[in-house]
Structures are given as structure tokens and as C-alpha cells.
Amino acid sequence: MRHVHALALLLVAAPLASRATSITYDIALPPASGATFTGTITTDAATGTLQTADILSWNIELRDGGRSLNLTPSDSAEQIIGTSNVSATSTALHFNFGGPIGSEFLIQDPDVGSSSQNLFCIQTTGCTGVGQDNYQMFIGGTVASSPGFGTDITFATAPAVPLPAAAWLLLSGLGGLGLYARKRGA
């Protein structure tokens, strides 16, 4: 009976020890007005509604043909998540355009309000007042906007990676059950 308790403890404790501490999502957006957005966003592995503190890091490259710019935390860029329109699953980041008016997901450099402002933004009413239900970018004050999306957009996805801890857990559980059955049969 003591072995059964040890096995039960192992099966309960192992998943807790193997919880992911972060998830890196690849930005997956079609071009907007000839501009492209690529890069990654890393969260603290929170799922459900995201808050600003859940975004750990980002590296977003904005390209509009002739110019290219990277937004990263080390460039003193800031990020803002307004209200509850951004949500995460273990495989994707979503923005809900059906949420409160003016809600946004914004990453920008520190030149806010200047003619050299650079930003990546998704907002229910258009980050620059241009368009609605779309995403936009500024490079040096020049805006590029996507067409409207309606109610929801998946703007980043996480690559599927098998978890070694989960495989170890499955094998140890099966081994434990085999040992238990062997001892019980003897």
C-alpha cells in the first residue's frame, strides 16, 4: 500500500514541476499596405486574458519596402495592453475586435508623438484613427494599415513542441502501474 501512495504522489507532483515558465509566439500577420510584420512575442505562459505584465519580451521587425526597424525591450520600447481584448492559449495570441471601443495592443518606441514615431498596434478603432478593426504600423511617422478583420484575429502562434517532461511522466506512470500489477500478482 505504501508503494501506491508513493506512485500517486509522483503522478500528482510531476506535472506541477514541469509547467512551462514562458511561451514564445511567432507573429503571423499578412502584409498591410505593402508593409510586413515579423518577429516574436514571449509571455509568462499565462492563458486567458493577458495583462501588460504577462508580456515578458518581444522582437518585432517592421518593414515597409525601403525601411526596416526592430522593436525590442532593450530599445526602450513600451508595450500597452488596454482592457481585456488580448487573450492567449498555449498555441496562439488573439485580439477580440468585439471588445470595448479604443481597446488596444500596442508596442512602440519611446518617440511617442514625434514625427519619427515607430509602433506596432492592434486596436478596435484604429490606432491612428485610420480604419477600424485592423492592425497598423508606423515607421518614422508613415502609417501602414491592414484591411478590417471583423471580430477576432489570431496574430501570433506558438510552434508545437513535444514536452520531454510529459513523455517522462507518461513513461514513469506506466512503469509504476506495471510494477504495481507485478507485485500484486506475485
N, C-alpha and C. Protein backbone atom coordinates (compact mmCIF):
# COMPACT_ATOMS: atom_id res chain seq x y z
N MET A 1 0.83 -1.20 0.00
CA MET A 1 0.00 0.00 0.00
C MET A 1 0.88 1.26 0.00
N ARG A 2 2.02 1.19 0.64
CA ARG A 2 2.94 2.31 0.70
C ARG A 2 3.41 2.69 -0.72
N HIS A 3 3.59 1.70 -1.59
CA HIS A 3 4.03 1.96 -2.95
C HIS A 3 2.95 2.68 -3.75
N VAL A 4 1.70 2.37 -3.49
CA VAL A 4 0.60 3.03 -4.18
C VAL A 4 0.58 4.52 -3.83
N HIS A 5 0.81 4.86 -2.55
CA HIS A 5 0.84 6.26 -2.13
C HIS A 5 2.01 6.99 -2.77
N ALA A 6 3.16 6.36 -2.84
CA ALA A 6 4.33 6.98 -3.47
C ALA A 6 4.08 7.22 -4.95
N LEU A 7 3.45 6.26 -5.61
CA LEU A 7 3.14 6.40 -7.03
C LEU A 7 2.13 7.53 -7.24
N ALA A 8 1.12 7.62 -6.41
CA ALA A 8 0.12 8.68 -6.52
C ALA A 8 0.77 10.05 -6.32
N LEU A 9 1.68 10.17 -5.35
CA LEU A 9 2.38 11.42 -5.11
C LEU A 9 3.22 11.80 -6.33
N LEU A 10 3.91 10.85 -6.92
CA LEU A 10 4.72 11.10 -8.10
C LEU A 10 3.86 11.59 -9.27
N LEU A 11 2.73 10.96 -9.48
CA LEU A 11 1.85 11.33 -10.58
C LEU A 11 1.24 12.72 -10.40
N VAL A 12 1.04 13.16 -9.16
CA VAL A 12 0.48 14.48 -8.90
C VAL A 12 1.57 15.55 -8.95
N ALA A 13 2.76 15.27 -8.42
CA ALA A 13 3.82 16.27 -8.33
C ALA A 13 4.54 16.53 -9.65
N ALA A 14 4.70 15.53 -10.49
CA ALA A 14 5.46 15.69 -11.73
C ALA A 14 4.89 16.75 -12.67
N PRO A 15 3.56 16.80 -12.91
CA PRO A 15 3.05 17.85 -13.80
C PRO A 15 3.27 19.26 -13.24
N LEU A 16 3.23 19.41 -11.94
CA LEU A 16 3.46 20.71 -11.34
C LEU A 16 4.88 21.18 -11.57
N ALA A 17 5.83 20.27 -11.52
CA ALA A 17 7.23 20.61 -11.69
C ALA A 17 7.56 20.92 -13.15
N SER A 18 6.77 20.42 -14.08
CA SER A 18 7.10 20.59 -15.50
C SER A 18 6.31 21.72 -16.18
N ARG A 19 5.64 22.60 -15.44
CA ARG A 19 4.85 23.69 -16.02
C ARG A 19 5.77 24.66 -16.75
N ALA A 20 5.36 25.06 -17.93
CA ALA A 20 6.15 26.00 -18.73
C ALA A 20 6.22 27.35 -18.02
N THR A 21 7.37 28.01 -18.09
CA THR A 21 7.53 29.32 -17.47
C THR A 21 7.36 30.45 -18.47
N SER A 22 7.41 30.13 -19.76
CA SER A 22 7.17 31.14 -20.79
C SER A 22 6.77 30.45 -22.09
N ILE A 23 6.11 31.20 -22.94
CA ILE A 23 5.75 30.73 -24.28
C ILE A 23 6.16 31.81 -25.26
N THR A 24 6.87 31.42 -26.32
CA THR A 24 7.26 32.36 -27.37
C THR A 24 6.37 32.10 -28.59
N TYR A 25 5.69 33.14 -29.01
CA TYR A 25 4.77 33.08 -30.15
C TYR A 25 5.42 33.75 -31.35
N ASP A 26 5.23 33.20 -32.53
CA ASP A 26 5.68 33.81 -33.78
C ASP A 26 4.56 34.67 -34.33
N ILE A 27 4.88 35.93 -34.68
CA ILE A 27 3.86 36.81 -35.25
C ILE A 27 3.46 36.27 -36.62
N ALA A 28 2.17 36.16 -36.83
CA ALA A 28 1.63 35.56 -38.06
C ALA A 28 0.56 36.47 -38.65
N LEU A 29 0.99 37.56 -39.27
CA LEU A 29 0.03 38.50 -39.87
C LEU A 29 0.33 38.69 -41.35
N PRO A 30 -0.71 38.80 -42.16
CA PRO A 30 -0.47 39.09 -43.58
C PRO A 30 0.02 40.53 -43.75
N PRO A 31 0.67 40.84 -44.87
CA PRO A 31 1.14 42.21 -45.10
C PRO A 31 -0.01 43.22 -45.07
N ALA A 32 0.33 44.46 -44.73
CA ALA A 32 -0.66 45.54 -44.69
C ALA A 32 -0.11 46.72 -45.48
N SER A 33 -0.80 47.13 -46.52
CA SER A 33 -0.38 48.27 -47.35
C SER A 33 1.07 48.14 -47.79
N GLY A 34 1.50 46.94 -48.14
CA GLY A 34 2.87 46.72 -48.58
C GLY A 34 3.87 46.57 -47.45
N ALA A 35 3.46 46.70 -46.22
CA ALA A 35 4.35 46.58 -45.06
C ALA A 35 4.23 45.18 -44.47
N THR A 36 5.29 44.69 -43.85
CA THR A 36 5.26 43.37 -43.22
C THR A 36 5.67 43.47 -41.76
N PHE A 37 5.15 42.53 -40.99
CA PHE A 37 5.42 42.43 -39.57
C PHE A 37 5.93 41.02 -39.32
N THR A 38 7.08 40.88 -38.75
CA THR A 38 7.59 39.57 -38.37
C THR A 38 8.19 39.68 -36.99
N GLY A 39 8.43 38.53 -36.35
CA GLY A 39 9.08 38.55 -35.05
C GLY A 39 8.42 37.63 -34.06
N THR A 40 8.71 37.88 -32.79
CA THR A 40 8.20 37.04 -31.72
C THR A 40 7.70 37.88 -30.55
N ILE A 41 6.79 37.28 -29.79
CA ILE A 41 6.31 37.86 -28.54
C ILE A 41 6.37 36.73 -27.51
N THR A 42 7.01 36.99 -26.36
CA THR A 42 7.14 35.99 -25.30
C THR A 42 6.30 36.39 -24.11
N THR A 43 5.47 35.46 -23.64
CA THR A 43 4.62 35.71 -22.47
C THR A 43 5.08 34.84 -21.31
N ASP A 44 4.49 35.07 -20.15
CA ASP A 44 4.80 34.30 -18.95
C ASP A 44 4.02 32.99 -18.88
N ALA A 45 3.51 32.52 -20.00
CA ALA A 45 2.74 31.27 -20.12
C ALA A 45 1.33 31.39 -19.55
N ALA A 46 0.91 32.61 -19.22
CA ALA A 46 -0.47 32.81 -18.77
C ALA A 46 -1.41 32.52 -19.93
N THR A 47 -2.56 31.95 -19.63
CA THR A 47 -3.59 31.75 -20.64
C THR A 47 -4.83 32.51 -20.21
N GLY A 48 -5.72 32.74 -21.15
CA GLY A 48 -6.88 33.57 -20.87
C GLY A 48 -6.55 35.01 -21.20
N THR A 49 -7.19 35.95 -20.53
CA THR A 49 -6.98 37.37 -20.78
C THR A 49 -5.57 37.78 -20.33
N LEU A 50 -4.85 38.47 -21.21
CA LEU A 50 -3.50 38.92 -20.87
C LEU A 50 -3.51 40.34 -20.35
N GLN A 51 -2.59 40.62 -19.46
CA GLN A 51 -2.34 41.96 -18.96
C GLN A 51 -0.95 42.38 -19.43
N THR A 52 -0.62 43.65 -19.31
CA THR A 52 0.68 44.15 -19.75
C THR A 52 1.83 43.38 -19.11
N ALA A 53 1.72 43.05 -17.82
CA ALA A 53 2.80 42.35 -17.11
C ALA A 53 3.03 40.93 -17.62
N ASP A 54 2.07 40.35 -18.34
CA ASP A 54 2.23 39.00 -18.87
C ASP A 54 3.16 38.94 -20.08
N ILE A 55 3.43 40.08 -20.72
CA ILE A 55 4.33 40.13 -21.87
C ILE A 55 5.76 40.30 -21.33
N LEU A 56 6.59 39.28 -21.52
CA LEU A 56 7.96 39.31 -20.99
C LEU A 56 8.94 39.95 -21.96
N SER A 57 8.76 39.69 -23.25
CA SER A 57 9.72 40.18 -24.23
C SER A 57 9.08 40.19 -25.61
N TRP A 58 9.71 40.89 -26.53
CA TRP A 58 9.25 40.92 -27.91
C TRP A 58 10.41 41.32 -28.80
N ASN A 59 10.33 40.91 -30.04
CA ASN A 59 11.27 41.33 -31.07
C ASN A 59 10.45 41.39 -32.36
N ILE A 60 10.04 42.59 -32.71
CA ILE A 60 9.15 42.79 -33.85
C ILE A 60 9.89 43.59 -34.92
N GLU A 61 9.96 43.03 -36.12
CA GLU A 61 10.56 43.74 -37.24
C GLU A 61 9.45 44.30 -38.11
N LEU A 62 9.51 45.62 -38.34
CA LEU A 62 8.56 46.32 -39.19
C LEU A 62 9.29 46.67 -40.49
N ARG A 63 8.71 46.31 -41.63
CA ARG A 63 9.34 46.61 -42.92
C ARG A 63 8.29 47.22 -43.85
N ASP A 64 8.64 48.33 -44.48
CA ASP A 64 7.70 48.96 -45.42
C ASP A 64 8.30 49.09 -46.81
N GLY A 65 9.14 48.19 -47.20
CA GLY A 65 9.77 48.25 -48.51
C GLY A 65 11.19 48.77 -48.39
N GLY A 66 11.34 50.05 -48.23
CA GLY A 66 12.67 50.65 -48.16
C GLY A 66 13.26 50.70 -46.77
N ARG A 67 12.42 50.68 -45.75
CA ARG A 67 12.93 50.82 -44.38
C ARG A 67 12.61 49.57 -43.56
N SER A 68 13.43 49.36 -42.55
CA SER A 68 13.24 48.24 -41.64
C SER A 68 13.58 48.71 -40.23
N LEU A 69 12.81 48.27 -39.27
CA LEU A 69 13.02 48.70 -37.89
C LEU A 69 12.65 47.56 -36.95
N ASN A 70 13.43 47.37 -35.90
CA ASN A 70 13.10 46.37 -34.88
C ASN A 70 12.66 47.06 -33.60
N LEU A 71 11.58 46.55 -33.02
CA LEU A 71 11.13 46.99 -31.70
C LEU A 71 11.46 45.88 -30.72
N THR A 72 12.27 46.19 -29.72
CA THR A 72 12.65 45.23 -28.68
C THR A 72 12.61 45.94 -27.33
N PRO A 73 12.52 45.19 -26.22
CA PRO A 73 12.55 45.84 -24.91
C PRO A 73 13.85 46.61 -24.66
N SER A 74 14.97 46.14 -25.22
CA SER A 74 16.25 46.82 -24.99
C SER A 74 16.33 48.16 -25.71
N ASP A 75 15.44 48.41 -26.67
CA ASP A 75 15.39 49.70 -27.36
C ASP A 75 14.49 50.69 -26.61
N SER A 76 14.19 50.38 -25.36
CA SER A 76 13.31 51.21 -24.53
C SER A 76 11.92 51.31 -25.10
N ALA A 77 11.52 50.33 -25.89
CA ALA A 77 10.15 50.32 -26.40
C ALA A 77 9.20 50.05 -25.25
N GLU A 78 7.99 50.50 -25.36
CA GLU A 78 6.99 50.23 -24.33
C GLU A 78 5.86 49.41 -24.93
N GLN A 79 5.20 48.64 -24.08
CA GLN A 79 4.04 47.90 -24.55
C GLN A 79 2.86 48.21 -23.66
N ILE A 80 1.71 48.24 -24.28
CA ILE A 80 0.46 48.54 -23.57
C ILE A 80 -0.59 47.54 -24.03
N ILE A 81 -1.27 46.96 -23.08
CA ILE A 81 -2.45 46.16 -23.41
C ILE A 81 -3.61 46.85 -22.72
N GLY A 82 -4.53 47.38 -23.49
CA GLY A 82 -5.67 48.07 -22.93
C GLY A 82 -6.87 47.15 -22.83
N THR A 83 -7.51 47.16 -21.71
CA THR A 83 -8.70 46.36 -21.38
C THR A 83 -8.46 44.87 -21.58
N SER A 84 -9.48 44.14 -21.94
CA SER A 84 -9.37 42.67 -21.94
C SER A 84 -9.52 42.08 -23.33
N ASN A 85 -8.99 42.74 -24.35
CA ASN A 85 -9.17 42.27 -25.72
C ASN A 85 -8.11 41.27 -26.17
N VAL A 86 -7.00 41.16 -25.46
CA VAL A 86 -5.93 40.23 -25.85
C VAL A 86 -6.03 38.99 -24.98
N SER A 87 -6.08 37.83 -25.65
CA SER A 87 -6.13 36.57 -24.90
C SER A 87 -5.09 35.61 -25.45
N ALA A 88 -4.71 34.65 -24.63
CA ALA A 88 -3.69 33.67 -25.01
C ALA A 88 -4.17 32.27 -24.72
N THR A 89 -3.77 31.36 -25.59
CA THR A 89 -3.87 29.93 -25.34
C THR A 89 -2.44 29.42 -25.36
N SER A 90 -2.25 28.14 -25.17
CA SER A 90 -0.89 27.62 -25.22
C SER A 90 -0.33 27.63 -26.65
N THR A 91 -1.18 27.88 -27.64
CA THR A 91 -0.72 27.85 -29.03
C THR A 91 -0.92 29.15 -29.81
N ALA A 92 -1.63 30.15 -29.28
CA ALA A 92 -1.88 31.35 -30.06
C ALA A 92 -2.23 32.56 -29.20
N LEU A 93 -1.99 33.75 -29.76
CA LEU A 93 -2.43 35.02 -29.19
C LEU A 93 -3.57 35.54 -30.07
N HIS A 94 -4.62 36.07 -29.44
CA HIS A 94 -5.80 36.55 -30.16
C HIS A 94 -6.12 37.98 -29.73
N PHE A 95 -6.69 38.74 -30.65
CA PHE A 95 -7.22 40.07 -30.33
C PHE A 95 -8.69 40.07 -30.73
N ASN A 96 -9.56 40.44 -29.77
CA ASN A 96 -11.00 40.46 -29.99
C ASN A 96 -11.45 41.88 -30.32
N PHE A 97 -11.81 42.10 -31.58
CA PHE A 97 -12.26 43.43 -32.00
C PHE A 97 -13.65 43.75 -31.49
N GLY A 98 -14.34 42.76 -30.94
CA GLY A 98 -15.68 43.00 -30.42
C GLY A 98 -15.70 43.57 -29.02
N GLY A 99 -14.53 43.81 -28.43
CA GLY A 99 -14.44 44.34 -27.07
C GLY A 99 -14.70 45.83 -27.03
N PRO A 100 -14.39 46.46 -25.89
CA PRO A 100 -14.65 47.89 -25.72
C PRO A 100 -13.95 48.75 -26.78
N ILE A 101 -14.60 49.81 -27.21
CA ILE A 101 -14.05 50.75 -28.19
C ILE A 101 -12.76 51.37 -27.62
N GLY A 102 -11.74 51.44 -28.44
CA GLY A 102 -10.47 52.03 -28.02
C GLY A 102 -9.52 51.03 -27.40
N SER A 103 -9.91 49.77 -27.28
CA SER A 103 -9.02 48.77 -26.71
C SER A 103 -7.87 48.52 -27.66
N GLU A 104 -6.67 48.24 -27.09
CA GLU A 104 -5.51 48.13 -27.96
C GLU A 104 -4.45 47.17 -27.42
N PHE A 105 -3.63 46.72 -28.35
CA PHE A 105 -2.37 46.04 -28.06
C PHE A 105 -1.33 46.87 -28.80
N LEU A 106 -0.43 47.51 -28.08
CA LEU A 106 0.48 48.49 -28.66
C LEU A 106 1.90 48.24 -28.19
N ILE A 107 2.83 48.18 -29.13
CA ILE A 107 4.26 48.18 -28.82
C ILE A 107 4.87 49.31 -29.63
N GLN A 108 5.54 50.24 -28.93
CA GLN A 108 6.08 51.42 -29.61
C GLN A 108 7.42 51.83 -29.03
N ASP A 109 8.17 52.60 -29.81
CA ASP A 109 9.43 53.11 -29.31
C ASP A 109 9.16 54.35 -28.46
N PRO A 110 10.19 54.88 -27.81
CA PRO A 110 9.95 56.00 -26.88
C PRO A 110 9.64 57.34 -27.53
N ASP A 111 9.69 57.44 -28.86
CA ASP A 111 9.44 58.73 -29.53
C ASP A 111 7.95 59.00 -29.71
N VAL A 112 7.17 58.78 -28.66
CA VAL A 112 5.72 58.92 -28.76
C VAL A 112 5.35 60.36 -29.12
N GLY A 113 4.51 60.49 -30.14
CA GLY A 113 4.03 61.80 -30.54
C GLY A 113 4.96 62.56 -31.48
N SER A 114 6.14 62.02 -31.78
CA SER A 114 7.06 62.72 -32.66
C SER A 114 6.86 62.25 -34.10
N SER A 115 7.48 62.95 -35.03
CA SER A 115 7.35 62.57 -36.44
C SER A 115 8.16 61.30 -36.75
N SER A 116 9.02 60.88 -35.83
CA SER A 116 9.81 59.66 -36.05
C SER A 116 9.25 58.48 -35.26
N GLN A 117 8.01 58.58 -34.84
CA GLN A 117 7.38 57.53 -34.04
C GLN A 117 7.33 56.21 -34.80
N ASN A 118 7.66 55.11 -34.09
CA ASN A 118 7.62 53.77 -34.65
C ASN A 118 6.77 52.90 -33.74
N LEU A 119 5.81 52.16 -34.32
CA LEU A 119 4.94 51.35 -33.48
C LEU A 119 4.31 50.21 -34.26
N PHE A 120 3.84 49.23 -33.49
CA PHE A 120 3.00 48.13 -33.98
C PHE A 120 1.77 48.15 -33.11
N CYS A 121 0.59 48.16 -33.70
CA CYS A 121 -0.63 48.35 -32.91
C CYS A 121 -1.80 47.58 -33.50
N ILE A 122 -2.61 47.00 -32.62
CA ILE A 122 -3.90 46.42 -32.99
C ILE A 122 -4.92 47.11 -32.08
N GLN A 123 -5.94 47.71 -32.66
CA GLN A 123 -6.91 48.46 -31.86
C GLN A 123 -8.29 48.39 -32.49
N THR A 124 -9.31 48.43 -31.66
CA THR A 124 -10.68 48.32 -32.14
C THR A 124 -11.08 49.48 -33.04
N THR A 125 -10.55 50.68 -32.81
CA THR A 125 -10.94 51.83 -33.62
C THR A 125 -9.82 52.33 -34.50
N GLY A 126 -8.75 51.56 -34.67
CA GLY A 126 -7.62 52.02 -35.47
C GLY A 126 -6.70 52.86 -34.62
N CYS A 127 -5.47 52.47 -34.50
CA CYS A 127 -4.51 53.13 -33.59
C CYS A 127 -4.27 54.58 -33.96
N THR A 128 -4.41 54.90 -35.21
CA THR A 128 -4.14 56.27 -35.65
C THR A 128 -5.42 56.97 -36.08
N GLY A 129 -6.55 56.36 -35.77
CA GLY A 129 -7.82 56.92 -36.20
C GLY A 129 -8.13 56.58 -37.65
N VAL A 130 -7.23 55.78 -38.28
CA VAL A 130 -7.43 55.36 -39.67
C VAL A 130 -7.96 53.94 -39.65
N GLY A 131 -9.10 53.70 -40.24
CA GLY A 131 -9.63 52.35 -40.31
C GLY A 131 -10.23 51.90 -38.99
N GLN A 132 -10.65 50.66 -38.99
CA GLN A 132 -11.26 50.08 -37.80
C GLN A 132 -11.06 48.57 -37.86
N ASP A 133 -10.94 47.95 -36.70
CA ASP A 133 -10.78 46.51 -36.60
C ASP A 133 -9.59 46.03 -37.44
N ASN A 134 -8.46 46.69 -37.30
CA ASN A 134 -7.29 46.32 -38.08
C ASN A 134 -6.02 46.45 -37.25
N TYR A 135 -4.90 46.17 -37.87
CA TYR A 135 -3.61 46.43 -37.24
C TYR A 135 -2.85 47.42 -38.08
N GLN A 136 -1.96 48.15 -37.44
CA GLN A 136 -1.23 49.22 -38.12
C GLN A 136 0.20 49.26 -37.63
N MET A 137 1.04 49.90 -38.43
CA MET A 137 2.41 50.17 -38.00
C MET A 137 2.80 51.56 -38.47
N PHE A 138 3.70 52.15 -37.74
CA PHE A 138 4.32 53.41 -38.12
C PHE A 138 5.81 53.12 -38.23
N ILE A 139 6.43 53.61 -39.29
CA ILE A 139 7.89 53.69 -39.34
C ILE A 139 8.18 55.14 -39.69
N GLY A 140 8.82 55.84 -38.77
CA GLY A 140 9.14 57.24 -39.00
C GLY A 140 7.92 58.09 -39.27
N GLY A 141 6.79 57.74 -38.67
CA GLY A 141 5.58 58.53 -38.82
C GLY A 141 4.73 58.15 -40.02
N THR A 142 5.20 57.23 -40.88
CA THR A 142 4.41 56.78 -42.03
C THR A 142 3.58 55.58 -41.62
N VAL A 143 2.29 55.61 -41.88
CA VAL A 143 1.39 54.56 -41.41
C VAL A 143 1.12 53.54 -42.52
N ALA A 144 1.01 52.29 -42.12
CA ALA A 144 0.54 51.21 -42.99
C ALA A 144 -0.56 50.49 -42.24
N SER A 145 -1.71 50.30 -42.89
CA SER A 145 -2.87 49.69 -42.23
C SER A 145 -3.32 48.45 -42.98
N SER A 146 -3.79 47.48 -42.21
CA SER A 146 -4.39 46.28 -42.81
C SER A 146 -5.86 46.54 -43.08
N PRO A 147 -6.49 45.70 -43.89
CA PRO A 147 -7.95 45.80 -44.01
C PRO A 147 -8.62 45.38 -42.70
N GLY A 148 -9.89 45.68 -42.54
CA GLY A 148 -10.62 45.29 -41.33
C GLY A 148 -10.75 43.78 -41.21
N PHE A 149 -10.83 43.30 -39.97
CA PHE A 149 -10.89 41.86 -39.73
C PHE A 149 -12.21 41.38 -39.17
N GLY A 150 -13.09 42.25 -38.76
CA GLY A 150 -14.35 41.78 -38.20
C GLY A 150 -14.27 41.65 -36.70
N THR A 151 -14.36 40.42 -36.19
CA THR A 151 -14.48 40.27 -34.74
C THR A 151 -13.24 39.74 -34.03
N ASP A 152 -12.36 38.98 -34.71
CA ASP A 152 -11.24 38.36 -34.00
C ASP A 152 -10.10 38.10 -34.97
N ILE A 153 -8.86 38.24 -34.47
CA ILE A 153 -7.69 37.91 -35.27
C ILE A 153 -6.71 37.13 -34.40
N THR A 154 -6.16 36.07 -34.97
CA THR A 154 -5.05 35.36 -34.33
C THR A 154 -3.80 36.02 -34.88
N PHE A 155 -3.05 36.74 -34.01
CA PHE A 155 -1.92 37.49 -34.54
C PHE A 155 -0.57 36.86 -34.23
N ALA A 156 -0.54 35.80 -33.46
CA ALA A 156 0.72 35.11 -33.21
C ALA A 156 0.43 33.66 -32.81
N THR A 157 1.30 32.76 -33.22
CA THR A 157 1.13 31.34 -32.91
C THR A 157 2.41 30.78 -32.32
N ALA A 158 2.26 29.78 -31.46
CA ALA A 158 3.42 29.11 -30.86
C ALA A 158 3.64 27.79 -31.60
N PRO A 159 4.89 27.51 -31.96
CA PRO A 159 5.15 26.24 -32.63
C PRO A 159 4.88 25.07 -31.69
N ALA A 160 4.33 24.00 -32.22
CA ALA A 160 4.06 22.82 -31.41
C ALA A 160 5.37 22.10 -31.12
N VAL A 161 5.68 21.95 -29.85
CA VAL A 161 6.91 21.29 -29.43
C VAL A 161 6.54 20.22 -28.42
N PRO A 162 6.97 18.99 -28.63
CA PRO A 162 6.67 17.96 -27.64
C PRO A 162 7.39 18.26 -26.33
N LEU A 163 6.72 18.01 -25.25
CA LEU A 163 7.30 18.28 -23.94
C LEU A 163 8.01 17.04 -23.41
N PRO A 164 9.32 17.10 -23.20
CA PRO A 164 10.03 15.94 -22.66
C PRO A 164 9.50 15.54 -21.29
N ALA A 165 9.11 16.50 -20.48
CA ALA A 165 8.61 16.19 -19.14
C ALA A 165 7.32 15.38 -19.23
N ALA A 166 6.46 15.69 -20.20
CA ALA A 166 5.21 14.95 -20.35
C ALA A 166 5.48 13.51 -20.76
N ALA A 167 6.45 13.30 -21.65
CA ALA A 167 6.80 11.94 -22.05
C ALA A 167 7.38 11.16 -20.86
N TRP A 168 8.23 11.84 -20.09
CA TRP A 168 8.81 11.19 -18.90
C TRP A 168 7.69 10.83 -17.92
N LEU A 169 6.76 11.71 -17.74
CA LEU A 169 5.65 11.46 -16.83
C LEU A 169 4.82 10.26 -17.29
N LEU A 170 4.51 10.20 -18.56
CA LEU A 170 3.74 9.08 -19.08
C LEU A 170 4.49 7.76 -18.88
N LEU A 171 5.77 7.74 -19.23
CA LEU A 171 6.55 6.50 -19.09
C LEU A 171 6.70 6.09 -17.63
N SER A 172 6.93 7.07 -16.74
CA SER A 172 7.07 6.71 -15.33
C SER A 172 5.75 6.20 -14.75
N GLY A 173 4.65 6.79 -15.19
CA GLY A 173 3.34 6.32 -14.72
C GLY A 173 3.04 4.91 -15.19
N LEU A 174 3.32 4.65 -16.46
CA LEU A 174 3.11 3.30 -16.98
C LEU A 174 4.03 2.29 -16.29
N GLY A 175 5.28 2.68 -16.05
CA GLY A 175 6.21 1.80 -15.34
C GLY A 175 5.75 1.51 -13.93
N GLY A 176 5.25 2.56 -13.26
CA GLY A 176 4.75 2.39 -11.90
C GLY A 176 3.55 1.47 -11.85
N LEU A 177 2.64 1.64 -12.80
CA LEU A 177 1.48 0.75 -12.85
C LEU A 177 1.90 -0.69 -13.15
N GLY A 178 2.91 -0.86 -14.01
CA GLY A 178 3.42 -2.21 -14.30
C GLY A 178 4.03 -2.86 -13.08
N LEU A 179 4.81 -2.09 -12.31
CA LEU A 179 5.40 -2.62 -11.08
C LEU A 179 4.32 -2.99 -10.06
N TYR A 180 3.33 -2.12 -9.95
CA TYR A 180 2.25 -2.38 -9.01
C TYR A 180 1.50 -3.65 -9.40
N ALA A 181 1.19 -3.81 -10.68
CA ALA A 181 0.48 -5.01 -11.14
C ALA A 181 1.33 -6.26 -10.94
N ARG A 182 2.64 -6.14 -11.15
CA ARG A 182 3.53 -7.30 -10.97
C ARG A 182 3.58 -7.74 -9.51
N LYS A 183 3.73 -6.75 -8.60
CA LYS A 183 3.78 -7.10 -7.17
C LYS A 183 2.44 -7.64 -6.67
N ARG A 184 1.38 -7.10 -7.20
CA ARG A 184 0.07 -7.54 -6.77
C ARG A 184 -0.22 -8.98 -7.22
N GLY A 185 0.30 -9.33 -8.41
CA GLY A 185 0.09 -10.66 -8.95
C GLY A 185 0.97 -11.71 -8.27
N ALA A 186 2.07 -11.31 -7.64
CA ALA A 186 3.01 -12.27 -7.04
C ALA A 186 2.55 -12.78 -5.68
